[in-house]
Amino acid sequence: MAIAERAGGPRHIELDELQAGAVEKLDPASAAFINASGLARVSPLGLGLYRLEPVGTVGSVRTGSVQVDVRPRGRLGLQKLLFLLSYSAEPGFSPHAVAAKESPDLWAALASSLALLGEQALGRGVLQGYREVDESLRTVKGRIRISEQMSRHPGLMVPLEVSYDEFSSDIAENRILRAAVERMMQVPGLLLEARSRLRHLKTKLDGVTYLTAGAPLPAWQPTRLNQRYHPALRLAALILRHASAESGPGPQRASAFVVNMNHVFQDFVGTALRAAMAKHPGETRLRHGALLNEAVDDADRITVRPDVVHFLGGRPVMVYDARYTARTDAGASLSADHFQVLAHCTALGVPSAWLIYAGKGEVTLRQILNTEIDIIEFPMDLSLPPARILAAVDDLADQSWGEVVRQARLSTLASPD
């Protein structure tokens, strides 16, 4: 744990995600916000003291008086975290597409990165494009919406319900970028330089519709015309998805950027593995549900849902489960994780499964007694550069496909025919 006083900023408390907890002095409003954010469990001890315990998420919460960071093990930088998040949302995502500024302070890194990428996006002017507009007009423009005209103005010639395409800067790309800029500007205690750069970006986007908090992001399609916006939009979407800002007592504000690393790792492995397995025959499905027991009704059903299942000819042939949290970096948990994977193999009738865990180590085969099931532990070192992480996923795909081929040969040799 690290505690530091920053000039002109909130008191800084830093925790490791594997840390048991720490006792700190907090004001009640900050304690309540931190607890509600999901970054840490905050329990009052009396006399203004609270116990902070990591709960499996990482990120940062900042109020007017305190900033609490929970760092991922291995001290993954912001750029690596953004890569894992982005690849899950967009298979084939290049690790260079979001060149995040690294900083010990996550908020400073996010603000500087958004400012830089936003400036690059808007450097040649605000992007414009066509958007469809529905209006009531006294003259014909575009096409008349007949059903709306008849239901809203039966028997009347005007006003006319029309639809037309308008060339405007009020398009999805600019709405997303403006929303992210405004979200970051609500973070308390940002450096004046970063806040000034964000304010300048907001000024350029003043004519763009404001997206209310919680509203779904408008859809946009990457094209050659909006290519200069791509890095900024990817970062903006991550900020809007994982960062929140709320009003505190009086003029105070509080902000949180919180991600569940187990979900991040599972989503990344599933997405990357499905892409890597595409070169082999069959179909790869994510979160495939299977029944574990014979059940007479829904109340008796026991279902399992492996992270990844590969099918060949409509039949499951390989199971994969991803685990970010392992007992140690030297290997996966030797109990609960293996029990769960064993249940997946039993439900799907496959003879082997791969248990992928975040950490260093060697590929390890564990043969389960009194069964014909093998569980292979496969380490994935997230401290490596993104290209080498993807290479490890590709290696996993090749090794597991080799196991499918080996099992098929053994089955053929065992066949009486």
Protein backbone atom coordinates (compact mmCIF):
# COMPACT_ATOMS: atom_id res chain seq x y z
CA MET A 1 0.00 0.00 0.00
CA ALA A 2 1.21 3.52 -0.77
CA ILE A 3 -0.14 6.79 0.62
CA ALA A 4 0.95 10.16 -0.71
CA GLU A 5 -0.08 13.78 -0.48
CA ARG A 6 -0.15 15.45 -3.91
CA ALA A 7 0.28 19.18 -4.18
CA GLY A 8 -3.09 20.76 -4.88
CA GLY A 9 -4.78 17.37 -5.17
CA PRO A 10 -6.53 14.75 -3.05
CA ARG A 11 -4.72 12.39 -0.69
CA HIS A 12 -3.66 9.30 -2.62
CA ILE A 13 -4.15 5.73 -1.36
CA GLU A 14 -2.83 2.86 -3.49
CA LEU A 15 -3.77 -0.80 -2.99
CA ASP A 16 -2.77 -3.99 -4.77
CA GLU A 17 -5.67 -6.13 -6.02
CA LEU A 18 -4.34 -9.12 -4.05
CA GLN A 19 -3.92 -7.11 -0.84
CA ALA A 20 -5.97 -8.21 2.16
CA GLY A 21 -7.00 -4.64 3.00
CA ALA A 22 -5.95 -1.44 4.74
CA VAL A 23 -7.30 0.90 7.40
CA GLU A 24 -7.58 4.57 6.39
CA LYS A 25 -9.17 7.80 7.61
CA LEU A 26 -11.95 8.90 5.24
CA ASP A 27 -14.82 11.35 5.24
CA PRO A 28 -18.25 9.66 5.16
CA ALA A 29 -19.17 10.95 1.68
CA SER A 30 -15.96 9.62 0.12
CA ALA A 31 -16.32 6.29 1.94
CA ALA A 32 -19.86 5.89 0.61
CA PHE A 33 -18.86 6.70 -2.97
CA ILE A 34 -15.88 4.32 -2.93
CA ASN A 35 -18.08 1.54 -1.57
CA ALA A 36 -20.81 2.20 -4.15
CA SER A 37 -18.30 2.28 -7.02
CA GLY A 38 -17.45 -1.40 -6.62
CA LEU A 39 -13.71 -0.73 -6.45
CA ALA A 40 -13.35 -1.69 -2.79
CA ARG A 41 -15.46 -2.76 0.16
CA VAL A 42 -15.44 0.02 2.74
CA SER A 43 -16.38 -0.83 6.33
CA PRO A 44 -16.61 1.75 9.15
CA LEU A 45 -14.47 1.11 12.22
CA GLY A 46 -15.31 4.27 14.18
CA LEU A 47 -13.46 7.53 14.85
CA GLY A 48 -13.43 8.30 11.11
CA LEU A 49 -11.48 5.14 10.29
CA TYR A 50 -12.55 2.71 7.56
CA ARG A 51 -11.27 -0.62 6.34
CA LEU A 52 -10.73 -0.81 2.56
CA GLU A 53 -10.67 -4.26 0.97
CA PRO A 54 -10.17 -4.97 -2.78
CA VAL A 55 -13.07 -6.98 -4.23
CA GLY A 56 -11.67 -8.26 -7.54
CA THR A 57 -11.84 -5.05 -9.53
CA VAL A 58 -9.12 -2.55 -10.45
CA GLY A 59 -9.20 1.13 -11.27
CA SER A 60 -9.42 4.44 -9.49
CA VAL A 61 -11.93 6.47 -7.50
CA ARG A 62 -11.35 10.17 -6.92
CA THR A 63 -13.33 12.52 -4.70
CA GLY A 64 -12.50 16.02 -3.60
CA SER A 65 -10.48 14.76 -0.64
CA VAL A 66 -9.08 11.34 -1.56
CA GLN A 67 -8.08 9.15 -4.49
CA VAL A 68 -8.06 5.37 -4.08
CA ASP A 69 -6.30 3.24 -6.70
CA VAL A 70 -6.46 -0.55 -6.86
CA ARG A 71 -3.67 -1.69 -9.14
CA PRO A 72 -3.68 -4.98 -11.09
CA ARG A 73 -1.01 -7.48 -10.17
CA GLY A 74 1.97 -7.18 -12.44
CA ARG A 75 1.26 -3.43 -12.47
CA LEU A 76 -0.30 -3.45 -15.92
CA GLY A 77 -0.08 0.03 -17.39
CA LEU A 78 -3.05 1.88 -18.83
CA GLN A 79 -2.04 1.05 -22.39
CA LYS A 80 -2.03 -2.71 -21.69
CA LEU A 81 -5.38 -2.49 -19.89
CA LEU A 82 -6.91 -0.56 -22.79
CA PHE A 83 -5.58 -3.15 -25.22
CA LEU A 84 -7.24 -6.01 -23.33
CA LEU A 85 -10.52 -4.09 -23.09
CA SER A 86 -10.47 -2.97 -26.71
CA TYR A 87 -9.62 -6.35 -28.21
CA SER A 88 -12.63 -7.88 -26.48
CA ALA A 89 -14.90 -5.34 -28.14
CA GLU A 90 -13.15 -5.48 -31.52
CA PRO A 91 -11.31 -8.64 -32.59
CA GLY A 92 -8.15 -7.82 -34.50
CA PHE A 93 -7.77 -4.53 -32.63
CA SER A 94 -4.22 -3.21 -33.03
CA PRO A 95 -2.39 -2.45 -29.79
CA HIS A 96 -1.12 0.73 -31.46
CA ALA A 97 -4.65 2.06 -32.10
CA VAL A 98 -4.82 3.59 -28.62
CA ALA A 99 -1.45 5.03 -27.72
CA ALA A 100 -2.32 5.88 -24.11
CA LYS A 101 -0.10 8.14 -22.07
CA GLU A 102 1.40 6.20 -19.19
CA SER A 103 1.33 7.84 -15.77
CA PRO A 104 1.27 6.65 -12.15
CA ASP A 105 -2.05 8.51 -11.91
CA LEU A 106 -4.75 6.75 -13.94
CA TRP A 107 -6.88 9.90 -14.21
CA ALA A 108 -3.96 11.96 -15.50
CA ALA A 109 -3.20 9.20 -18.02
CA LEU A 110 -6.81 9.00 -19.22
CA ALA A 111 -7.19 12.78 -19.47
CA SER A 112 -3.88 13.28 -21.32
CA SER A 113 -4.59 10.37 -23.65
CA LEU A 114 -8.08 11.60 -24.52
CA ALA A 115 -6.81 15.14 -25.02
CA LEU A 116 -4.01 13.96 -27.33
CA LEU A 117 -6.17 11.62 -29.41
CA GLY A 118 -8.98 14.17 -29.54
CA GLU A 119 -6.61 16.83 -30.81
CA GLN A 120 -5.37 14.45 -33.48
CA ALA A 121 -8.95 13.65 -34.49
CA LEU A 122 -10.03 17.30 -34.71
CA GLY A 123 -6.73 18.66 -36.02
CA ARG A 124 -8.09 19.00 -39.58
CA GLY A 125 -11.48 20.23 -38.43
CA VAL A 126 -14.62 18.66 -37.03
CA LEU A 127 -15.80 15.67 -39.07
CA GLN A 128 -19.10 16.11 -40.86
CA GLY A 129 -21.44 13.57 -42.36
CA TYR A 130 -25.03 12.86 -43.31
CA ARG A 131 -27.66 12.12 -40.69
CA GLU A 132 -31.35 11.38 -41.15
CA VAL A 133 -33.71 14.04 -39.77
CA ASP A 134 -37.45 13.60 -39.09
CA GLU A 135 -39.34 16.91 -38.88
CA SER A 136 -42.71 18.58 -39.24
CA LEU A 137 -42.42 21.27 -41.97
CA ARG A 138 -44.76 23.48 -43.94
CA THR A 139 -42.90 22.73 -47.16
CA VAL A 140 -41.75 19.46 -48.74
CA LYS A 141 -38.16 18.52 -47.99
CA GLY A 142 -36.87 15.01 -48.60
CA ARG A 143 -39.66 12.44 -48.53
CA ILE A 144 -43.08 12.55 -46.85
CA ARG A 145 -43.63 9.96 -44.10
CA ILE A 146 -47.11 8.89 -45.18
CA SER A 147 -48.11 6.81 -42.13
CA GLU A 148 -47.05 9.54 -39.68
CA GLN A 149 -48.77 12.20 -41.80
CA MET A 150 -52.07 10.32 -41.77
CA SER A 151 -51.94 9.45 -38.04
CA ARG A 152 -50.83 12.88 -36.79
CA HIS A 153 -52.56 15.24 -39.26
CA PRO A 154 -55.56 13.38 -40.77
CA GLY A 155 -57.15 15.40 -43.57
CA LEU A 156 -54.60 18.23 -43.33
CA MET A 157 -52.03 19.18 -45.95
CA VAL A 158 -49.70 20.94 -43.52
CA PRO A 159 -47.62 20.55 -41.52
CA LEU A 160 -45.89 17.76 -43.43
CA GLU A 161 -44.10 14.89 -41.69
CA VAL A 162 -40.87 14.53 -43.69
CA SER A 163 -37.52 12.77 -43.55
CA TYR A 164 -34.36 14.07 -45.18
CA ASP A 165 -30.58 13.71 -44.97
CA GLU A 166 -28.68 16.65 -43.52
CA PHE A 167 -24.93 17.23 -43.85
CA SER A 168 -23.88 18.16 -40.33
CA SER A 169 -21.25 17.82 -37.62
CA ASP A 170 -23.96 16.43 -35.30
CA ILE A 171 -23.06 12.82 -36.09
CA ALA A 172 -22.39 9.73 -33.94
CA GLU A 173 -18.59 10.11 -33.96
CA ASN A 174 -18.71 13.65 -32.59
CA ARG A 175 -21.44 12.85 -30.06
CA ILE A 176 -19.32 10.02 -28.57
CA LEU A 177 -16.19 12.16 -28.47
CA ARG A 178 -17.99 15.10 -26.84
CA ALA A 179 -19.59 12.84 -24.22
CA ALA A 180 -16.20 11.38 -23.25
CA VAL A 181 -14.60 14.84 -23.06
CA GLU A 182 -17.36 16.10 -20.81
CA ARG A 183 -17.18 12.97 -18.65
CA MET A 184 -13.44 13.52 -18.12
CA MET A 185 -13.94 17.22 -17.39
CA GLN A 186 -16.14 16.24 -14.44
CA VAL A 187 -13.24 14.43 -12.75
CA PRO A 188 -12.14 16.45 -9.71
CA GLY A 189 -8.54 17.53 -9.34
CA LEU A 190 -7.38 17.24 -12.96
CA LEU A 191 -4.26 19.22 -13.80
CA LEU A 192 -5.01 22.63 -15.31
CA GLU A 193 -3.22 21.78 -18.57
CA ALA A 194 -5.30 18.67 -19.18
CA ARG A 195 -8.52 20.45 -18.24
CA SER A 196 -7.68 23.32 -20.58
CA ARG A 197 -7.02 20.96 -23.50
CA LEU A 198 -10.28 19.13 -22.87
CA ARG A 199 -12.18 22.42 -22.63
CA HIS A 200 -10.74 23.45 -26.02
CA LEU A 201 -11.97 20.18 -27.55
CA LYS A 202 -15.42 20.70 -26.04
CA THR A 203 -15.59 24.18 -27.58
CA LYS A 204 -14.95 22.71 -31.02
CA LEU A 205 -17.83 20.26 -30.45
CA ASP A 206 -20.33 22.73 -28.96
CA GLY A 207 -22.81 22.27 -31.81
CA VAL A 208 -23.01 18.52 -31.24
CA THR A 209 -25.90 16.89 -29.35
CA TYR A 210 -25.06 16.03 -25.74
CA LEU A 211 -25.46 12.38 -24.77
CA THR A 212 -27.09 11.96 -21.37
CA ALA A 213 -25.38 9.69 -18.85
CA GLY A 214 -26.44 6.08 -19.25
CA ALA A 215 -27.78 6.55 -22.77
CA PRO A 216 -26.63 3.91 -25.31
CA LEU A 217 -23.78 5.06 -27.52
CA PRO A 218 -24.86 5.83 -31.09
CA ALA A 219 -23.62 3.34 -33.68
CA TRP A 220 -20.78 4.30 -36.01
CA GLN A 221 -18.89 2.42 -38.70
CA PRO A 222 -15.11 2.67 -39.18
CA THR A 223 -14.45 4.02 -42.68
CA ARG A 224 -11.67 5.70 -44.57
CA LEU A 225 -13.40 9.06 -44.06
CA ASN A 226 -13.43 8.87 -40.25
CA GLN A 227 -10.09 7.06 -39.91
CA ARG A 228 -8.47 9.95 -38.01
CA TYR A 229 -11.19 9.55 -35.35
CA HIS A 230 -10.69 5.80 -34.72
CA PRO A 231 -8.17 5.94 -31.82
CA ALA A 232 -10.07 8.73 -30.05
CA LEU A 233 -13.42 6.96 -30.44
CA ARG A 234 -12.09 3.68 -29.07
CA LEU A 235 -10.72 5.40 -25.99
CA ALA A 236 -13.88 7.52 -25.67
CA ALA A 237 -16.07 4.40 -25.71
CA LEU A 238 -13.98 2.77 -22.97
CA ILE A 239 -14.18 5.91 -20.82
CA LEU A 240 -17.96 6.11 -21.24
CA ARG A 241 -18.35 2.40 -20.52
CA HIS A 242 -16.16 2.22 -17.40
CA ALA A 243 -15.92 5.75 -15.98
CA SER A 244 -18.62 7.51 -13.98
CA ALA A 245 -18.93 10.97 -12.47
CA GLU A 246 -21.41 12.04 -9.81
CA SER A 247 -22.18 15.09 -7.75
CA GLY A 248 -21.08 15.05 -4.13
CA PRO A 249 -22.02 17.25 -1.21
CA GLY A 250 -21.98 20.93 -2.13
CA PRO A 251 -19.83 21.70 -5.17
CA GLN A 252 -17.82 18.49 -4.83
CA ARG A 253 -17.71 15.84 -7.53
CA ALA A 254 -16.55 12.24 -7.48
CA SER A 255 -15.39 10.02 -10.33
CA ALA A 256 -14.72 6.31 -10.74
CA PHE A 257 -13.06 4.16 -13.39
CA VAL A 258 -13.58 0.52 -12.40
CA VAL A 259 -13.09 -2.73 -14.33
CA ASN A 260 -13.43 -6.36 -13.28
CA MET A 261 -10.14 -7.98 -14.33
CA ASN A 262 -11.59 -11.50 -14.29
CA HIS A 263 -14.25 -10.42 -16.79
CA VAL A 264 -11.66 -8.51 -18.83
CA PHE A 265 -9.38 -11.55 -19.01
CA GLN A 266 -12.20 -13.98 -19.83
CA ASP A 267 -13.59 -11.71 -22.54
CA PHE A 268 -10.15 -11.15 -24.04
CA VAL A 269 -9.23 -14.86 -24.07
CA GLY A 270 -12.59 -15.84 -25.56
CA THR A 271 -12.49 -13.22 -28.30
CA ALA A 272 -8.82 -13.76 -29.19
CA LEU A 273 -9.12 -17.56 -29.08
CA ARG A 274 -12.16 -17.57 -31.35
CA ALA A 275 -10.21 -15.45 -33.86
CA ALA A 276 -7.16 -17.74 -33.59
CA MET A 277 -9.24 -20.92 -34.02
CA ALA A 278 -10.82 -19.60 -37.22
CA LYS A 279 -7.95 -21.10 -39.25
CA HIS A 280 -8.91 -24.60 -38.06
CA PRO A 281 -12.03 -26.57 -39.04
CA GLY A 282 -15.11 -26.25 -36.87
CA GLU A 283 -16.87 -23.50 -34.93
CA THR A 284 -15.85 -21.75 -31.72
CA ARG A 285 -18.62 -20.60 -29.38
CA LEU A 286 -18.37 -18.38 -26.32
CA ARG A 287 -20.34 -18.96 -23.07
CA HIS A 288 -21.94 -22.14 -24.41
CA GLY A 289 -24.46 -23.57 -21.94
CA ALA A 290 -24.73 -27.33 -21.28
CA LEU A 291 -26.83 -29.49 -18.97
CA LEU A 292 -24.90 -31.40 -16.30
CA ASN A 293 -27.67 -33.60 -14.89
CA GLU A 294 -30.82 -35.44 -15.87
CA ALA A 295 -33.68 -33.18 -14.84
CA VAL A 296 -37.44 -33.61 -14.87
CA ASP A 297 -38.12 -29.87 -14.74
CA ASP A 298 -36.29 -26.55 -14.86
CA ALA A 299 -35.96 -26.34 -11.07
CA ASP A 300 -33.79 -29.49 -11.07
CA ARG A 301 -31.52 -28.45 -13.93
CA ILE A 302 -27.81 -27.97 -13.24
CA THR A 303 -26.16 -26.11 -16.09
CA VAL A 304 -22.55 -25.23 -16.83
CA ARG A 305 -21.29 -22.47 -19.09
CA PRO A 306 -17.65 -22.82 -20.19
CA ASP A 307 -15.91 -19.69 -21.43
CA VAL A 308 -15.11 -21.26 -24.82
CA VAL A 309 -16.16 -24.48 -26.56
CA HIS A 310 -14.91 -25.65 -29.97
CA PHE A 311 -17.29 -27.74 -32.10
CA LEU A 312 -16.48 -30.00 -35.01
CA GLY A 313 -19.32 -31.41 -37.09
CA GLY A 314 -21.79 -30.00 -34.55
CA ARG A 315 -20.15 -31.95 -31.69
CA PRO A 316 -18.09 -30.37 -28.88
CA VAL A 317 -14.45 -31.49 -29.06
CA MET A 318 -12.57 -29.06 -26.79
CA VAL A 319 -13.35 -26.90 -23.74
CA TYR A 320 -11.47 -23.82 -22.52
CA ASP A 321 -11.83 -21.88 -19.27
CA ALA A 322 -10.00 -18.63 -18.46
CA ARG A 323 -9.06 -17.66 -14.90
CA TYR A 324 -7.47 -14.31 -14.11
CA THR A 325 -7.15 -15.05 -10.40
CA ALA A 326 -4.91 -18.05 -9.70
CA ARG A 327 -3.50 -19.38 -6.45
CA THR A 328 -0.02 -18.23 -7.46
CA ASP A 329 1.69 -17.00 -10.60
CA ALA A 330 3.38 -20.41 -10.80
CA GLY A 331 0.12 -22.21 -11.55
CA ALA A 332 -3.64 -22.27 -11.42
CA SER A 333 -5.71 -23.17 -8.39
CA LEU A 334 -5.41 -26.88 -7.68
CA SER A 335 -8.97 -27.29 -6.50
CA ALA A 336 -12.03 -25.24 -7.45
CA ASP A 337 -10.93 -24.31 -10.98
CA HIS A 338 -10.17 -27.93 -11.86
CA PHE A 339 -13.43 -29.15 -10.37
CA GLN A 340 -15.35 -26.70 -12.52
CA VAL A 341 -13.46 -27.62 -15.68
CA LEU A 342 -14.01 -31.31 -14.91
CA ALA A 343 -17.76 -30.61 -14.73
CA HIS A 344 -17.58 -28.90 -18.14
CA CYS A 345 -15.88 -31.95 -19.67
CA THR A 346 -18.46 -34.27 -18.11
CA ALA A 347 -21.43 -32.23 -19.31
CA LEU A 348 -20.12 -31.90 -22.86
CA GLY A 349 -18.56 -35.35 -23.12
CA VAL A 350 -15.10 -34.15 -24.14
CA PRO A 351 -11.90 -35.89 -23.00
CA SER A 352 -9.75 -32.83 -22.37
CA ALA A 353 -9.92 -29.15 -21.46
CA TRP A 354 -7.58 -26.18 -21.28
CA LEU A 355 -7.40 -24.03 -18.17
CA ILE A 356 -5.92 -20.67 -19.15
CA TYR A 357 -4.68 -18.52 -16.28
CA ALA A 358 -3.03 -15.11 -16.11
CA GLY A 359 0.53 -15.61 -14.96
CA LYS A 360 3.89 -17.14 -15.69
CA GLY A 361 4.79 -20.81 -15.66
CA GLU A 362 4.86 -23.89 -17.82
CA VAL A 363 2.15 -25.76 -19.68
CA THR A 364 1.12 -28.57 -17.33
CA LEU A 365 -0.91 -31.71 -18.04
CA ARG A 366 -3.03 -33.10 -15.21
CA GLN A 367 -4.60 -36.51 -15.75
CA ILE A 368 -7.74 -36.93 -13.64
CA LEU A 369 -7.85 -40.25 -11.79
CA ASN A 370 -10.63 -42.75 -12.55
CA THR A 371 -11.54 -40.83 -15.71
CA GLU A 372 -10.22 -40.44 -19.24
CA ILE A 373 -10.17 -36.65 -18.85
CA ASP A 374 -7.04 -34.49 -19.11
CA ILE A 375 -6.85 -30.89 -17.94
CA ILE A 376 -4.04 -28.82 -19.43
CA GLU A 377 -2.96 -25.67 -17.60
CA PHE A 378 -1.84 -22.94 -19.98
CA PRO A 379 -0.19 -19.78 -18.53
CA MET A 380 -0.63 -16.41 -20.24
CA ASP A 381 1.85 -13.74 -19.14
CA LEU A 382 0.08 -10.38 -19.32
CA SER A 383 3.33 -8.52 -18.62
CA LEU A 384 4.42 -9.30 -22.20
CA PRO A 385 3.85 -6.85 -25.08
CA PRO A 386 0.40 -7.15 -26.73
CA ALA A 387 1.82 -8.82 -29.86
CA ARG A 388 3.39 -11.58 -27.75
CA ILE A 389 0.16 -12.06 -25.77
CA LEU A 390 -1.69 -12.60 -29.04
CA ALA A 391 1.09 -14.96 -30.16
CA ALA A 392 0.48 -16.99 -26.98
CA VAL A 393 -3.23 -17.23 -27.83
CA ASP A 394 -2.31 -18.39 -31.33
CA ASP A 395 -0.01 -21.03 -29.80
CA LEU A 396 -2.86 -22.16 -27.55
CA ALA A 397 -5.12 -22.55 -30.58
CA ASP A 398 -2.52 -24.63 -32.45
CA GLN A 399 -1.71 -26.85 -29.47
CA SER A 400 -5.35 -27.49 -28.62
CA TRP A 401 -6.20 -28.27 -32.25
CA GLY A 402 -3.31 -30.74 -32.27
CA GLU A 403 -4.92 -32.39 -29.26
CA VAL A 404 -8.24 -32.63 -31.13
CA VAL A 405 -6.47 -34.33 -34.06
CA ARG A 406 -4.64 -36.72 -31.70
CA GLN A 407 -7.87 -37.72 -29.99
CA ALA A 408 -9.56 -38.31 -33.34
CA ARG A 409 -6.73 -40.64 -34.38
CA LEU A 410 -6.93 -42.56 -31.11
CA SER A 411 -10.70 -42.92 -31.55
CA THR A 412 -10.19 -44.26 -35.08
CA LEU A 413 -7.60 -46.79 -33.92
CA ALA A 414 -9.91 -47.94 -31.12
CA SER A 415 -12.85 -48.42 -33.47
CA PRO A 416 -13.61 -52.11 -34.22
CA ASP A 417 -13.97 -51.22 -37.91
